[in-house]
Amino acid sequence: MPMDILLLVVAGALLIFMFWSSSRRRKKMQEEEQKRQQSLTPGTPVMTRSGLYGTLVEFDADDLTKRAIIAIAPGVEVEVHAQTVTIDQESLQADESEEYDDEVDSDDDVIDESESETLEEQLFDDVRVDDDQTSDETDERKND
């Protein structure tokens, strides 16, 4: 008899935990969706869920029943459902890396030319070694 009560308590606790975690996950998803919609402003590089890349021309974050307009080429604009528009992560990452490169370039002192030549020589030496190994393997295959 006591085991039956314990089993019911554990089952009830599991059900409560499942409902609590699903509601928490749903709230997080809603917050992320609101942040995404607020970050979509005209001029933002976007991608539709079908894989169409372009620049956002018109988007109403408050009314998702209206269509979004995306410029996919100069003078070519397409209307798509507003919920299919997402931020183009590749463009954002490229922009961030360019900003990082600019910061690094401005912070670095002038690079000594002898160091850069050494790096170039090392790279070319590695390529030559790889080419020699590849040609040796090709010769062995021909001989077999």
Foldseek 3Di string as FASTA:
>chain_A
DVVVVVVVVVVVVVVVVVVVVVVVVVVVVVVVLLVFLVPQDFQFWKAFQVGQTFTWHDADSVDQQAWTWGDRDVVDIDTDRRVRIGGDVVVVVVVVVVVVVVVVVVPDDDDDPVVVVVVVVVVVVVVVVVVVVVVVVVVVVVVD
